[in-house]
Protein backbone atom coordinates (compact mmCIF):
# COMPACT_ATOMS: atom_id res chain seq x y z
CA MET A 1 25.80 -5.82 18.33
CA THR A 2 24.40 -6.23 14.80
CA MET A 3 22.41 -3.52 13.02
CA GLU A 4 19.32 -5.69 13.41
CA ASP A 5 19.89 -5.87 17.18
CA LEU A 6 20.39 -2.09 17.34
CA HIS A 7 17.20 -1.57 15.34
CA ASP A 8 15.23 -3.82 17.68
CA ARG A 9 16.65 -2.01 20.72
CA GLY A 10 15.89 1.34 19.07
CA ARG A 11 12.27 0.35 18.42
CA GLU A 12 11.88 -0.68 22.05
CA ASN A 13 13.38 2.60 23.29
CA PHE A 14 11.24 4.68 20.94
CA ALA A 15 8.09 2.77 21.92
CA GLU A 16 8.82 3.57 25.58
CA LEU A 17 9.12 7.28 24.78
CA VAL A 18 6.27 7.77 22.30
CA GLU A 19 2.74 6.42 22.45
CA ASP A 20 2.19 3.93 19.60
CA GLY A 21 5.88 4.42 18.79
CA ALA A 22 6.31 1.19 16.84
CA LYS A 23 3.30 1.97 14.64
CA ARG A 24 4.57 5.51 14.05
CA LEU A 25 7.96 4.19 12.97
CA ASP A 26 6.36 1.66 10.63
CA ALA A 27 4.27 4.42 9.04
CA LEU A 28 7.21 6.84 8.72
CA PHE A 29 9.49 4.28 7.06
CA ALA A 30 6.85 2.25 5.19
CA THR A 31 8.35 2.99 1.79
CA VAL A 32 12.01 2.73 2.80
CA PRO A 33 12.23 0.24 5.69
CA ALA A 34 16.01 -0.08 5.32
CA LEU A 35 16.32 3.63 6.15
CA GLY A 36 14.19 3.05 9.24
CA GLU A 37 16.44 0.21 10.32
CA LEU A 38 19.52 2.39 9.92
CA ALA A 39 18.05 5.57 11.45
CA VAL A 40 16.25 3.94 14.39
CA GLY A 41 19.17 1.63 15.11
CA THR A 42 21.63 4.52 15.13
CA VAL A 43 19.60 7.18 16.94
CA TYR A 44 17.56 5.15 19.42
CA GLY A 45 19.55 1.94 19.55
CA HIS A 46 23.12 3.25 19.73
CA LEU A 47 23.18 6.99 20.52
CA HIS A 48 20.23 6.93 22.93
CA GLU A 49 22.05 4.52 25.23
CA ARG A 50 25.46 6.18 25.29
CA PRO A 51 26.10 7.11 28.93
CA ALA A 52 27.99 10.42 28.60
CA LEU A 53 24.82 12.51 28.22
CA ASP A 54 21.52 12.14 30.02
CA SER A 55 18.48 11.84 27.77
CA ARG A 56 17.33 15.45 28.43
CA THR A 57 20.68 16.87 27.30
CA ARG A 58 20.87 14.52 24.33
CA GLU A 59 17.39 15.54 23.14
CA ALA A 60 18.17 19.26 23.61
CA ALA A 61 21.30 18.84 21.46
CA THR A 62 19.29 16.91 18.88
CA LEU A 63 16.60 19.60 18.72
CA ALA A 64 19.27 22.27 18.26
CA ALA A 65 20.80 20.32 15.38
CA ILE A 66 17.38 19.82 13.79
CA VAL A 67 16.58 23.53 13.99
CA ALA A 68 20.07 24.45 12.70
CA ALA A 69 19.59 22.14 9.72
CA GLY A 70 16.20 23.66 8.92
CA MET A 71 14.33 20.36 9.35
CA VAL A 72 10.86 21.46 10.46
CA GLY A 73 9.02 18.35 9.26
CA PRO A 74 9.03 14.87 10.82
CA PRO A 75 12.39 15.24 12.63
CA LEU A 76 11.16 18.24 14.64
CA SER A 77 7.84 16.55 15.36
CA VAL A 78 9.45 13.28 16.44
CA HIS A 79 12.07 14.91 18.64
CA LEU A 80 9.57 17.25 20.25
CA ARG A 81 7.78 14.08 21.39
CA THR A 82 10.93 12.31 22.53
CA GLY A 83 12.30 15.49 24.11
CA LEU A 84 9.17 15.93 26.21
CA ALA A 85 9.19 12.22 27.07
CA SER A 86 12.84 12.52 28.12
CA GLY A 87 12.01 15.28 30.58
CA LEU A 88 12.41 18.55 28.68
CA SER A 89 9.77 21.12 29.51
CA PRO A 90 7.98 22.90 26.63
CA ALA A 91 9.73 26.14 27.65
CA GLU A 92 13.12 24.43 27.45
CA VAL A 93 12.30 23.27 23.92
CA CYS A 94 11.49 26.89 23.04
CA GLU A 95 14.73 28.09 24.64
CA VAL A 96 16.68 25.66 22.44
CA VAL A 97 15.13 27.40 19.42
CA VAL A 98 16.13 30.83 20.80
CA GLN A 99 19.69 29.65 21.47
CA THR A 100 19.98 28.08 18.02
CA ALA A 101 18.87 31.30 16.31
CA ALA A 102 22.10 33.04 17.28
CA PHE A 103 24.22 30.36 15.62
CA ALA A 104 22.09 28.97 12.79
CA GLY A 105 20.20 32.12 11.79
CA PHE A 106 16.82 33.61 12.47
CA PRO A 107 15.04 32.24 9.36
CA ARG A 108 15.56 28.65 10.48
CA ALA A 109 14.61 29.44 14.07
CA VAL A 110 11.48 31.29 12.94
CA SER A 111 10.49 28.33 10.73
CA ALA A 112 10.93 26.02 13.73
CA ALA A 113 8.90 28.36 15.95
CA ASP A 114 6.10 28.42 13.39
CA GLN A 115 6.03 24.62 13.30
CA LEU A 116 6.17 24.43 17.12
CA ASN A 117 2.97 26.52 17.23
CA ARG A 118 1.18 23.73 15.37
CA LEU A 119 2.89 20.93 17.27
CA PHE A 120 2.15 22.46 20.67
CA GLU A 121 -1.46 22.95 19.67
CA GLY A 122 -1.67 19.34 18.48
CA HIS A 123 -0.28 18.10 21.80
CA GLY A 124 -2.59 20.31 23.85
CA LEU A 125 0.35 22.31 25.23
CA PRO A 126 -0.19 25.93 26.28
CA ILE A 127 1.03 28.68 23.95
CA PRO A 128 3.22 30.28 25.13
CA PRO A 129 4.33 27.63 27.61
CA PRO A 130 4.81 28.43 31.30
CA PRO A 131 8.35 29.36 32.32
CA ALA A 132 11.02 26.68 32.40
CA PRO A 133 11.44 25.04 35.81
CA ARG A 134 14.93 26.50 36.24
CA GLU A 135 13.55 30.01 35.61
CA VAL A 136 10.85 29.46 38.22
CA VAL A 137 13.36 28.29 40.84
CA LEU A 138 15.80 31.12 40.11
CA ALA A 139 12.99 33.63 40.66
CA TYR A 140 12.03 31.81 43.87
CA LEU A 141 15.62 31.88 45.13
CA ALA A 142 15.71 35.65 44.68
CA GLU A 143 13.06 35.89 47.44
CA PRO A 144 12.92 32.47 49.11
CA ALA A 145 10.68 31.37 51.93
CA ALA A 146 12.19 31.96 55.38
CA ASP A 147 13.32 28.38 55.98
CA VAL A 148 15.05 28.22 52.60
CA ALA A 149 16.59 31.67 53.11
CA ALA A 150 18.15 30.40 56.34
CA VAL A 151 19.77 27.52 54.45
CA LEU A 152 21.00 29.74 51.63
CA ALA A 153 22.50 32.22 54.08
CA ASP A 154 25.11 29.61 54.99
CA PHE A 155 26.33 29.20 51.42
CA PRO A 156 27.73 31.92 49.10
CA ARG A 157 27.34 29.91 45.87
CA THR A 158 24.60 27.80 44.33
CA GLU A 159 24.29 25.71 41.19
CA VAL A 160 20.76 25.36 39.81
CA GLN A 161 20.00 22.44 37.50
CA ALA A 162 16.66 21.28 36.14
CA THR A 163 16.44 17.49 36.22
CA GLY A 164 12.98 17.16 34.68
CA PRO A 165 9.99 19.18 33.52
CA ASP A 166 8.81 19.71 37.11
CA ARG A 167 11.89 19.46 39.32
CA VAL A 168 15.10 21.34 39.95
CA LEU A 169 18.11 20.64 42.17
CA VAL A 170 19.92 23.51 43.89
CA SER A 171 23.38 22.56 45.13
CA CYS A 172 24.64 24.94 47.83
CA PHE A 173 28.39 25.44 48.28
CA GLY A 174 30.65 27.05 50.85
CA ASP A 175 34.44 26.65 50.67
CA ASP A 176 34.19 22.89 50.24
CA PRO A 177 33.84 21.46 46.71
CA VAL A 178 31.14 19.16 48.06
CA PRO A 179 27.68 20.74 48.46
CA GLY A 180 26.80 21.60 52.05
CA ALA A 181 23.12 21.33 51.21
CA VAL A 182 20.94 20.33 48.28
CA LEU A 183 17.44 21.64 47.69
CA HIS A 184 15.00 19.52 45.71
CA CYS A 185 12.39 21.89 44.28
CA SER A 186 9.12 20.72 42.77
CA VAL A 187 7.63 23.08 40.21
CA SER A 188 4.12 23.37 38.78
CA GLY A 189 3.51 25.98 36.12
CA ALA A 190 5.12 29.19 37.37
CA GLU A 191 5.30 28.19 41.04
CA VAL A 192 7.60 26.27 43.33
CA THR A 193 5.21 23.89 45.07
CA SER A 194 7.62 22.26 47.52
CA VAL A 195 11.24 22.35 48.62
CA THR A 196 13.00 19.50 50.38
CA VAL A 197 16.37 20.29 51.98
CA PHE A 198 19.07 17.63 52.17
CA ARG A 199 22.13 18.21 54.33
CA PRO A 200 25.03 15.80 54.85
CA ARG A 201 25.18 14.24 58.30
């Protein structure tokens, strides 16, 4: 695939993630369009479509790298948008900043947090954000509803994985490496709003 093809694919991907994405890219790279072709083609044309990471994980890693590099301008703003569009919750974005602080230093993390205050406000996001969906489900599992408690009683081990800003999967394991049950939890704010239990036949 040529660089031009990658750039075109990257523009399409970015436009799907961000409202008026094509216009935003044109404005950002108006002075240096060749840089836009290279950056958009690489990040959203090539890397975005690599299958080893899902888009949530890829955006979390990208945000960590941005914070670690001290880039609190356009890169943080752009990847907050694409991170949210890829299914990260605002609280997960904040947790990336906390995690990065331990490895990249507090000054860079504090600078990112300061910029996130403005970005969250500009996007109409609550400050501070509600808990991350995984946090909400872990708290729920500590004192689950009776029907869920009955399912969990059969399994000594669970794996809890957020799959979006409002949903979490809980895989329940016994001695078998295959889950004996999977709970699909829907989350709104700080509450689990529904749980669907799937069991193999």
